[in-house]
């Protein structure tokens, strides 16, 4: 089921990766732009109309009331709520370590300067609907924002067929501490967060995954508001040695393939026999799963297998791919970790499946895709803060440095800048 590629053929690998990073469909771009424009002009009216058109739901109110949220939570499985609470505690403990402090520097002649770390005031979190409800998305996007100090966290999510919030999403929102929930999805929800409407307030930043229209909308509104990233389809790369379990490796490849026909699953191993065993396991396991059609399509499209000379070559290829998820199913995973330069998140050892990070372990599952792990990072508290600098110069310090400042300004042809210093020196 996995296509074999020559690990020494870097051109074939490059072509494969470029195929995953195709530009947005012009039709999607045009339709998304039209939706954004309609919401910007018509506000809530457009949101009601698009919800009826795309979700086949006629709403009376865009905002989910507290009573509605509580009623949805009451329908959620009690064991799920308990597990979400424990997962939230793990995620919180991990992200608490990411908090930054500002700094203050004192210099001679009454000069001091520094940096303040300030949370964003209001953040919008998009939680997708469609094929499934994702309570883990709520936790992963909301909790770092709360830890960073964001006071107002707005969640948007498509309504279910009854025009309300799915119970698992409502429960996760309660656990995470969402400020308000609005029952709108798609590109129109991104537009509402970016421009604001009579009901939905404009936010400073939009985070959260979505379909191609949501991703396109986030790209288009970037600049008016900040965004986390334009995420592509999910991907996993597994490096396995002779001691790895082929059943576990196949299961982990499938765990990403079941997301989407465009998801990417790559196996790198040094063992030919292991590679063949994984191929067989993929057939056996995918046949038993409800999302078999999606899994098989995904593996046929982007499932890839390379048998490499050694683990050094495996890791070199992984660094070239820069995968969203990288599993090191090898005996010396901890020792090999420093060799990994490009990966969204790394899972160490035979028993650390990627699913642990998706739901419970504590690390964030919002990760860079499409090779962007070369320069991008997982979602963190850093995404919900801004930094502001400050500076104070005394009269004595200005006398000391004024001529130097004016000299630089005049060499740039900016005499007004130089004059701003001169008038102060002349006043002395």
Protein backbone atom coordinates (compact mmCIF):
# COMPACT_ATOMS: atom_id res chain seq x y z
CA UNK A 1 0.00 0.00 0.00
CA UNK A 2 2.96 2.32 0.50
CA UNK A 3 4.75 3.47 -2.64
CA UNK A 4 8.44 2.67 -2.62
CA UNK A 5 10.94 5.44 -3.26
CA UNK A 6 14.70 5.33 -3.64
CA UNK A 7 16.22 7.07 -0.58
CA UNK A 8 19.13 8.25 -2.74
CA UNK A 9 16.85 9.93 -5.30
CA UNK A 10 16.46 13.36 -3.76
CA UNK A 11 14.89 14.75 -6.93
CA UNK A 12 11.98 12.30 -6.67
CA UNK A 13 11.59 13.18 -3.00
CA UNK A 14 11.63 16.90 -3.79
CA UNK A 15 8.95 16.45 -6.47
CA UNK A 16 6.85 14.49 -3.99
CA UNK A 17 7.10 17.25 -1.41
CA UNK A 18 6.33 19.98 -3.93
CA UNK A 19 3.18 18.11 -4.91
CA UNK A 20 2.02 18.41 -1.32
CA UNK A 21 2.54 22.17 -1.31
CA UNK A 22 0.37 23.10 -4.29
CA UNK A 23 -1.15 26.56 -4.35
CA UNK A 24 -4.79 27.11 -3.42
CA UNK A 25 -7.41 26.25 -6.01
CA UNK A 26 -8.38 29.49 -7.82
CA UNK A 27 -12.06 28.55 -7.52
CA UNK A 28 -11.74 28.19 -3.74
CA UNK A 29 -9.86 31.47 -3.58
CA UNK A 30 -12.57 33.31 -5.54
CA UNK A 31 -15.45 31.83 -3.55
CA UNK A 32 -13.71 32.52 -0.24
CA UNK A 33 -13.01 36.13 -1.19
CA UNK A 34 -16.69 36.59 -2.07
CA UNK A 35 -17.77 35.19 1.32
CA UNK A 36 -15.36 37.47 3.17
CA UNK A 37 -16.65 40.49 1.27
CA UNK A 38 -20.28 39.60 1.97
CA UNK A 39 -19.68 39.24 5.71
CA UNK A 40 -17.71 42.47 5.81
CA UNK A 41 -20.61 44.31 4.11
CA UNK A 42 -23.65 42.54 5.58
CA UNK A 43 -22.43 41.23 8.93
CA UNK A 44 -24.85 38.96 10.81
CA UNK A 45 -27.26 38.83 7.87
CA UNK A 46 -24.62 37.09 5.76
CA UNK A 47 -23.75 34.71 8.60
CA UNK A 48 -27.37 33.56 8.96
CA UNK A 49 -27.65 33.12 5.19
CA UNK A 50 -24.41 31.14 4.82
CA UNK A 51 -25.30 28.92 7.79
CA UNK A 52 -28.57 28.05 6.09
CA UNK A 53 -26.83 27.51 2.74
CA UNK A 54 -23.83 25.46 3.87
CA UNK A 55 -24.98 23.81 7.11
CA UNK A 56 -28.69 23.47 6.27
CA UNK A 57 -29.54 25.05 9.61
CA UNK A 58 -31.76 28.08 10.15
CA UNK A 59 -30.62 29.77 13.36
CA UNK A 60 -32.50 32.17 15.60
CA UNK A 61 -29.35 33.30 17.36
CA UNK A 62 -25.66 33.12 16.47
CA UNK A 63 -24.43 32.99 20.07
CA UNK A 64 -24.88 29.86 22.13
CA UNK A 65 -26.51 30.82 25.43
CA UNK A 66 -25.22 29.58 28.77
CA UNK A 67 -28.36 27.44 29.11
CA UNK A 68 -27.73 25.92 25.68
CA UNK A 69 -24.09 25.19 26.51
CA UNK A 70 -25.01 23.65 29.88
CA UNK A 71 -27.68 21.50 28.23
CA UNK A 72 -25.15 20.27 25.65
CA UNK A 73 -22.61 19.52 28.39
CA UNK A 74 -25.22 17.51 30.26
CA UNK A 75 -25.50 15.22 27.21
CA UNK A 76 -21.74 14.61 27.10
CA UNK A 77 -20.32 11.36 28.43
CA UNK A 78 -19.16 11.79 32.03
CA UNK A 79 -16.04 9.69 31.50
CA UNK A 80 -15.09 11.87 28.52
CA UNK A 81 -15.37 15.02 30.64
CA UNK A 82 -13.13 13.46 33.32
CA UNK A 83 -10.56 12.47 30.70
CA UNK A 84 -10.66 15.93 29.13
CA UNK A 85 -10.05 17.46 32.55
CA UNK A 86 -6.98 15.29 33.08
CA UNK A 87 -5.73 16.03 29.57
CA UNK A 88 -6.24 19.74 30.25
CA UNK A 89 -4.12 19.44 33.40
CA UNK A 90 -1.30 17.82 31.40
CA UNK A 91 -1.50 20.44 28.65
CA UNK A 92 -1.54 23.24 31.22
CA UNK A 93 1.49 21.89 33.09
CA UNK A 94 3.51 21.73 29.86
CA UNK A 95 2.52 25.17 28.60
CA UNK A 96 3.05 26.87 31.96
CA UNK A 97 6.77 26.46 31.33
CA UNK A 98 6.52 28.63 28.20
CA UNK A 99 5.60 31.88 29.91
CA UNK A 100 8.04 34.71 29.30
CA UNK A 101 8.86 37.68 31.50
CA UNK A 102 9.87 41.13 30.34
CA UNK A 103 13.20 42.67 31.26
CA UNK A 104 14.59 46.05 32.39
CA UNK A 105 18.13 47.31 31.74
CA UNK A 106 19.73 50.16 33.68
CA UNK A 107 22.62 52.03 32.04
CA UNK A 108 24.75 55.04 32.92
CA UNK A 109 23.61 58.70 32.81
CA UNK A 110 19.97 57.92 33.57
CA UNK A 111 19.36 55.66 30.57
CA UNK A 112 17.05 52.71 31.02
CA UNK A 113 15.24 50.49 28.57
CA UNK A 114 13.41 47.22 28.48
CA UNK A 115 10.67 45.02 27.11
CA UNK A 116 7.16 44.26 28.30
CA UNK A 117 5.36 41.01 27.50
CA UNK A 118 1.66 41.66 26.99
CA UNK A 119 -1.14 39.17 26.26
CA UNK A 120 -3.42 39.75 23.31
CA UNK A 121 -6.79 41.16 24.38
CA UNK A 122 -9.14 38.94 22.37
CA UNK A 123 -8.51 35.74 20.42
CA UNK A 124 -10.78 33.75 18.11
CA UNK A 125 -10.58 29.94 18.06
CA UNK A 126 -12.00 28.07 15.08
CA UNK A 127 -13.18 24.52 15.88
CA UNK A 128 -14.16 22.53 12.78
CA UNK A 129 -17.29 20.44 12.34
CA UNK A 130 -17.93 18.24 9.34
CA UNK A 131 -16.64 14.64 9.48
CA UNK A 132 -16.12 14.65 13.25
CA UNK A 133 -16.13 16.79 16.40
CA UNK A 134 -12.72 17.51 17.88
CA UNK A 135 -12.72 18.38 21.60
CA UNK A 136 -8.92 18.07 21.63
CA UNK A 137 -8.74 21.02 19.23
CA UNK A 138 -10.54 23.13 21.82
CA UNK A 139 -8.06 22.26 24.57
CA UNK A 140 -4.96 22.70 22.41
CA UNK A 141 -5.97 26.14 21.14
CA UNK A 142 -7.65 27.62 24.19
CA UNK A 143 -5.40 26.57 27.07
CA UNK A 144 -2.16 28.22 25.81
CA UNK A 145 -4.12 31.43 25.25
CA UNK A 146 -5.45 31.38 28.82
CA UNK A 147 -2.01 30.63 30.25
CA UNK A 148 -0.57 33.54 28.23
CA UNK A 149 -3.14 35.83 29.89
CA UNK A 150 -5.69 36.38 27.12
CA UNK A 151 -8.86 37.64 28.82
CA UNK A 152 -11.41 37.03 26.07
CA UNK A 153 -11.40 33.80 24.04
CA UNK A 154 -14.13 33.58 21.39
CA UNK A 155 -14.93 30.19 19.87
CA UNK A 156 -16.68 29.68 16.53
CA UNK A 157 -17.87 26.27 15.37
CA UNK A 158 -20.51 25.03 12.91
CA UNK A 159 -23.86 24.09 14.49
CA UNK A 160 -25.06 20.52 14.39
CA UNK A 161 -28.27 19.53 12.57
CA UNK A 162 -30.34 20.64 15.55
CA UNK A 163 -28.78 24.08 15.42
CA UNK A 164 -26.81 23.72 18.65
CA UNK A 165 -23.32 22.88 19.87
CA UNK A 166 -22.18 19.23 19.77
CA UNK A 167 -21.96 17.95 23.38
CA UNK A 168 -18.28 17.01 23.19
CA UNK A 169 -17.37 20.49 21.94
CA UNK A 170 -19.46 22.19 24.60
CA UNK A 171 -17.84 20.03 27.29
CA UNK A 172 -14.33 20.80 26.07
CA UNK A 173 -15.15 24.52 25.93
CA UNK A 174 -16.30 24.40 29.57
CA UNK A 175 -13.16 22.54 30.65
CA UNK A 176 -10.88 24.94 28.77
CA UNK A 177 -12.67 28.14 29.85
CA UNK A 178 -13.95 29.63 26.59
CA UNK A 179 -15.52 33.09 27.02
CA UNK A 180 -18.26 32.80 24.37
CA UNK A 181 -19.34 30.36 21.64
CA UNK A 182 -20.85 31.32 18.29
CA UNK A 183 -22.57 28.79 16.03
CA UNK A 184 -20.99 29.63 12.72
CA UNK A 185 -18.37 27.83 10.65
CA UNK A 186 -16.51 27.99 7.38
CA UNK A 187 -14.91 31.00 5.75
CA UNK A 188 -17.81 33.13 7.00
CA UNK A 189 -16.75 32.47 10.62
CA UNK A 190 -13.20 33.60 9.85
CA UNK A 191 -14.61 36.76 8.25
CA UNK A 192 -16.73 37.49 11.32
CA UNK A 193 -13.72 37.16 13.62
CA UNK A 194 -11.55 39.32 11.36
CA UNK A 195 -14.01 42.14 10.65
CA UNK A 196 -16.49 41.88 13.52
CA UNK A 197 -20.27 41.98 13.23
CA UNK A 198 -23.08 43.30 15.40
CA UNK A 199 -22.98 40.01 17.34
CA UNK A 200 -19.43 38.66 17.00
CA UNK A 201 -16.61 40.96 18.14
CA UNK A 202 -13.48 41.46 16.09
CA UNK A 203 -10.47 39.58 17.49
CA UNK A 204 -6.74 40.23 17.44
CA UNK A 205 -5.76 36.74 16.30
CA UNK A 206 -7.43 33.66 14.80
CA UNK A 207 -6.21 30.14 15.56
CA UNK A 208 -7.51 26.68 14.81
CA UNK A 209 -7.69 24.23 11.88
CA UNK A 210 -10.31 23.95 9.16
CA UNK A 211 -11.03 22.87 5.61
CA UNK A 212 -9.58 24.43 2.45
CA UNK A 213 -12.02 27.37 2.62
CA UNK A 214 -11.12 28.11 6.24
CA UNK A 215 -7.40 27.92 5.46
CA UNK A 216 -7.85 30.21 2.47
CA UNK A 217 -9.90 32.68 4.52
CA UNK A 218 -7.20 32.82 7.20
CA UNK A 219 -4.61 33.55 4.56
CA UNK A 220 -6.72 36.37 3.12
CA UNK A 221 -7.49 38.12 6.42
CA UNK A 222 -3.90 37.93 7.67
CA UNK A 223 -2.68 41.47 8.18
CA UNK A 224 -6.01 42.71 9.43
CA UNK A 225 -5.66 40.16 12.22
CA UNK A 226 -2.89 37.74 13.07
CA UNK A 227 -3.25 34.00 12.45
CA UNK A 228 -1.49 30.95 13.82
CA UNK A 229 -0.62 29.30 10.49
CA UNK A 230 -2.14 28.13 7.23
CA UNK A 231 -2.14 24.43 8.02
CA UNK A 232 -2.11 21.76 5.38
CA UNK A 233 -3.23 18.13 5.61
CA UNK A 234 -1.81 16.04 8.44
CA UNK A 235 1.42 14.07 8.04
CA UNK A 236 3.54 11.55 9.91
CA UNK A 237 7.00 10.14 9.33
CA UNK A 238 8.00 6.97 11.19
CA UNK A 239 11.64 5.88 11.51
CA UNK A 240 11.82 2.26 12.65
CA UNK A 241 14.65 -0.17 13.36
CA UNK A 242 14.69 -3.97 13.47
CA UNK A 243 13.29 -4.07 17.01
CA UNK A 244 10.18 -2.04 16.22
CA UNK A 245 6.76 -3.67 16.12
CA UNK A 246 5.38 -3.65 12.55
CA UNK A 247 1.82 -3.69 13.89
CA UNK A 248 2.50 -0.53 15.89
CA UNK A 249 4.22 1.18 12.95
CA UNK A 250 1.30 0.38 10.65
CA UNK A 251 -1.21 1.59 13.23
CA UNK A 252 0.63 4.89 13.57
CA UNK A 253 0.77 5.44 9.82
CA UNK A 254 -2.97 4.74 9.65
CA UNK A 255 -3.67 7.15 12.50
CA UNK A 256 -2.74 10.02 10.21
CA UNK A 257 -4.06 8.53 6.98
CA UNK A 258 -7.57 8.39 8.44
CA UNK A 259 -7.68 12.18 8.72
CA UNK A 260 -7.95 13.01 5.07
CA UNK A 261 -7.28 11.62 1.56
CA UNK A 262 -4.51 14.24 1.34
CA UNK A 263 -2.80 13.15 4.57
CA UNK A 264 0.76 11.92 4.21
CA UNK A 265 2.25 8.80 5.86
CA UNK A 266 5.94 7.96 5.38
CA UNK A 267 7.90 4.98 6.70
CA UNK A 268 11.71 4.99 6.78
CA UNK A 269 13.43 1.82 7.93
CA UNK A 270 16.72 0.02 7.58
CA UNK A 271 15.06 -3.40 7.41
CA UNK A 272 13.54 -4.87 4.22
CA UNK A 273 11.70 -7.60 6.13
CA UNK A 274 10.19 -5.02 8.48
CA UNK A 275 8.99 -2.95 5.52
CA UNK A 276 7.15 -5.94 4.06
CA UNK A 277 5.55 -6.75 7.42
CA UNK A 278 4.26 -3.18 7.72
CA UNK A 279 2.76 -3.36 4.23
CA UNK A 280 0.80 -6.45 5.24
CA UNK A 281 -0.32 -4.90 8.51
CA UNK A 282 -1.62 -1.84 6.69
CA UNK A 283 -3.93 -4.04 4.65
CA UNK A 284 -5.13 -6.00 7.67
CA UNK A 285 -5.70 -3.06 10.00
CA UNK A 286 -7.25 -0.64 7.51
CA UNK A 287 -9.82 -3.28 6.51
CA UNK A 288 -11.13 -3.31 10.09
CA UNK A 289 -11.55 0.43 10.52
CA UNK A 290 -14.65 2.55 9.85
CA UNK A 291 -12.71 5.11 7.79
CA UNK A 292 -11.23 2.45 5.53
CA UNK A 293 -11.99 4.29 2.30
CA UNK A 294 -10.24 7.48 3.45
CA UNK A 295 -7.27 5.49 4.80
CA UNK A 296 -6.78 3.54 1.59
CA UNK A 297 -7.10 6.63 -0.56
CA UNK A 298 -4.64 8.55 1.60
CA UNK A 299 -2.08 5.75 1.57
CA UNK A 300 -2.46 5.35 -2.19
CA UNK A 301 -1.94 9.09 -2.72
CA UNK A 302 0.82 9.91 -0.25
CA UNK A 303 1.86 6.72 1.54
CA UNK A 304 5.62 6.33 1.02
CA UNK A 305 8.21 3.74 1.99
CA UNK A 306 12.00 3.97 1.89
CA UNK A 307 14.47 1.30 2.96
CA UNK A 308 17.60 3.18 3.93
CA UNK A 309 21.25 2.25 4.42
CA UNK A 310 21.29 3.22 8.09
CA UNK A 311 19.58 5.39 10.67
CA UNK A 312 21.75 8.38 9.77
CA UNK A 313 20.24 8.36 6.29
CA UNK A 314 16.74 7.98 7.77
CA UNK A 315 17.21 11.06 9.93
CA UNK A 316 18.77 13.05 7.09
CA UNK A 317 15.69 12.35 4.95
CA UNK A 318 13.39 13.24 7.86
CA UNK A 319 15.15 16.59 8.21
CA UNK A 320 14.57 17.19 4.51
CA UNK A 321 10.88 16.31 4.77
CA UNK A 322 10.43 18.36 8.00
CA UNK A 323 7.32 16.41 9.00
CA UNK A 324 4.51 17.54 11.27
CA UNK A 325 4.88 14.38 13.39
CA UNK A 326 8.11 12.37 13.62
CA UNK A 327 8.22 9.04 15.44
CA UNK A 328 11.59 7.56 16.37
CA UNK A 329 10.68 3.89 16.87
CA UNK A 330 14.32 3.03 17.53
CA UNK A 331 16.35 1.73 20.47
CA UNK A 332 18.45 4.89 20.92
CA UNK A 333 15.73 7.49 20.35
CA UNK A 334 16.93 9.83 23.11
CA UNK A 335 20.51 9.76 21.83
CA UNK A 336 19.36 10.41 18.25
CA UNK A 337 17.07 13.32 19.14
CA UNK A 338 19.84 15.99 18.77
CA UNK A 339 20.24 14.92 15.13
CA UNK A 340 16.64 15.92 14.39
CA UNK A 341 16.57 19.51 13.17
CA UNK A 342 13.22 19.78 11.39
CA UNK A 343 10.04 18.32 12.91
CA UNK A 344 6.89 19.75 14.44
CA UNK A 345 6.87 17.26 17.31
CA UNK A 346 9.03 14.20 17.97
CA UNK A 347 7.76 11.01 19.65
CA UNK A 348 10.49 8.96 21.27
CA UNK A 349 10.66 5.18 21.55
CA UNK A 350 8.55 2.18 20.72
CA UNK A 351 5.57 2.94 22.98
CA UNK A 352 5.13 6.69 22.37
CA UNK A 353 2.55 6.77 19.61
CA UNK A 354 1.59 10.10 18.09
CA UNK A 355 -1.96 9.73 19.45
CA UNK A 356 -0.63 10.46 22.95
CA UNK A 357 0.46 13.90 21.81
CA UNK A 358 -2.80 14.46 19.97
CA UNK A 359 -4.90 14.07 23.09
CA UNK A 360 -3.25 13.66 26.44
CA UNK A 361 0.51 13.89 26.87
CA UNK A 362 0.68 17.67 27.23
CA UNK A 363 2.56 18.83 24.14
CA UNK A 364 0.52 20.82 21.64
CA UNK A 365 -0.92 19.05 18.61
CA UNK A 366 -1.22 22.23 16.51
CA UNK A 367 1.94 21.75 14.46
CA UNK A 368 3.57 23.09 11.28
CA UNK A 369 2.81 21.08 8.14
CA UNK A 370 3.97 20.92 4.50
CA UNK A 371 7.64 21.19 5.40
CA UNK A 372 7.20 24.42 7.35
CA UNK A 373 8.76 22.80 10.42
CA UNK A 374 12.01 24.04 8.82
CA UNK A 375 11.14 27.48 10.21
CA UNK A 376 7.83 27.27 12.11
CA UNK A 377 6.97 26.02 15.59
CA UNK A 378 4.08 24.30 17.40
CA UNK A 379 1.32 26.47 18.82
CA UNK A 380 2.39 27.80 22.21
CA UNK A 381 1.90 30.62 24.68
CA UNK A 382 4.20 32.67 22.43
CA UNK A 383 1.39 32.84 19.88
CA UNK A 384 -0.84 34.76 22.27
CA UNK A 385 1.50 37.49 23.42
CA UNK A 386 3.10 40.58 21.96
CA UNK A 387 6.25 42.36 23.04
CA UNK A 388 6.52 46.11 23.54
CA UNK A 389 9.79 47.95 24.14
CA UNK A 390 10.41 51.12 26.16
CA UNK A 391 13.33 53.53 26.40
CA UNK A 392 14.29 56.53 28.55
CA UNK A 393 17.13 58.97 27.83
CA UNK A 394 18.15 61.67 30.30
CA UNK A 395 19.35 65.12 29.23
CA UNK A 396 22.91 64.15 30.14
CA UNK A 397 22.72 61.02 27.98
CA UNK A 398 21.32 63.01 25.06
CA UNK A 399 24.21 65.49 25.31
CA UNK A 400 26.62 62.56 25.29
CA UNK A 401 25.13 60.74 22.28
CA UNK A 402 23.26 63.46 20.39
CA UNK A 403 25.93 64.22 17.76
CA UNK A 404 26.30 60.49 16.98
CA UNK A 405 22.54 60.12 16.52
CA UNK A 406 22.35 63.17 14.26
CA UNK A 407 25.31 61.95 12.21
CA UNK A 408 23.62 58.64 11.45
CA UNK A 409 20.29 60.35 10.66
CA UNK A 410 21.89 62.82 8.23
CA UNK A 411 23.74 60.03 6.44
CA UNK A 412 20.35 58.42 5.86
CA UNK A 413 19.05 61.72 4.44
CA UNK A 414 16.56 62.12 7.28
CA UNK A 415 17.32 65.62 8.53
CA UNK A 416 14.01 65.79 10.40
CA UNK A 417 15.20 62.97 12.61
CA UNK A 418 18.43 64.85 13.26
CA UNK A 419 16.50 68.03 13.98
CA UNK A 420 14.42 66.28 16.67
CA UNK A 421 17.68 65.76 18.55
CA UNK A 422 19.11 69.19 17.71
CA UNK A 423 16.18 71.19 19.10
CA UNK A 424 16.61 69.42 22.43
CA UNK A 425 20.35 70.06 22.51
CA UNK A 426 19.82 73.70 21.56
CA UNK A 427 17.36 74.05 24.42
CA UNK A 428 19.97 72.97 26.95
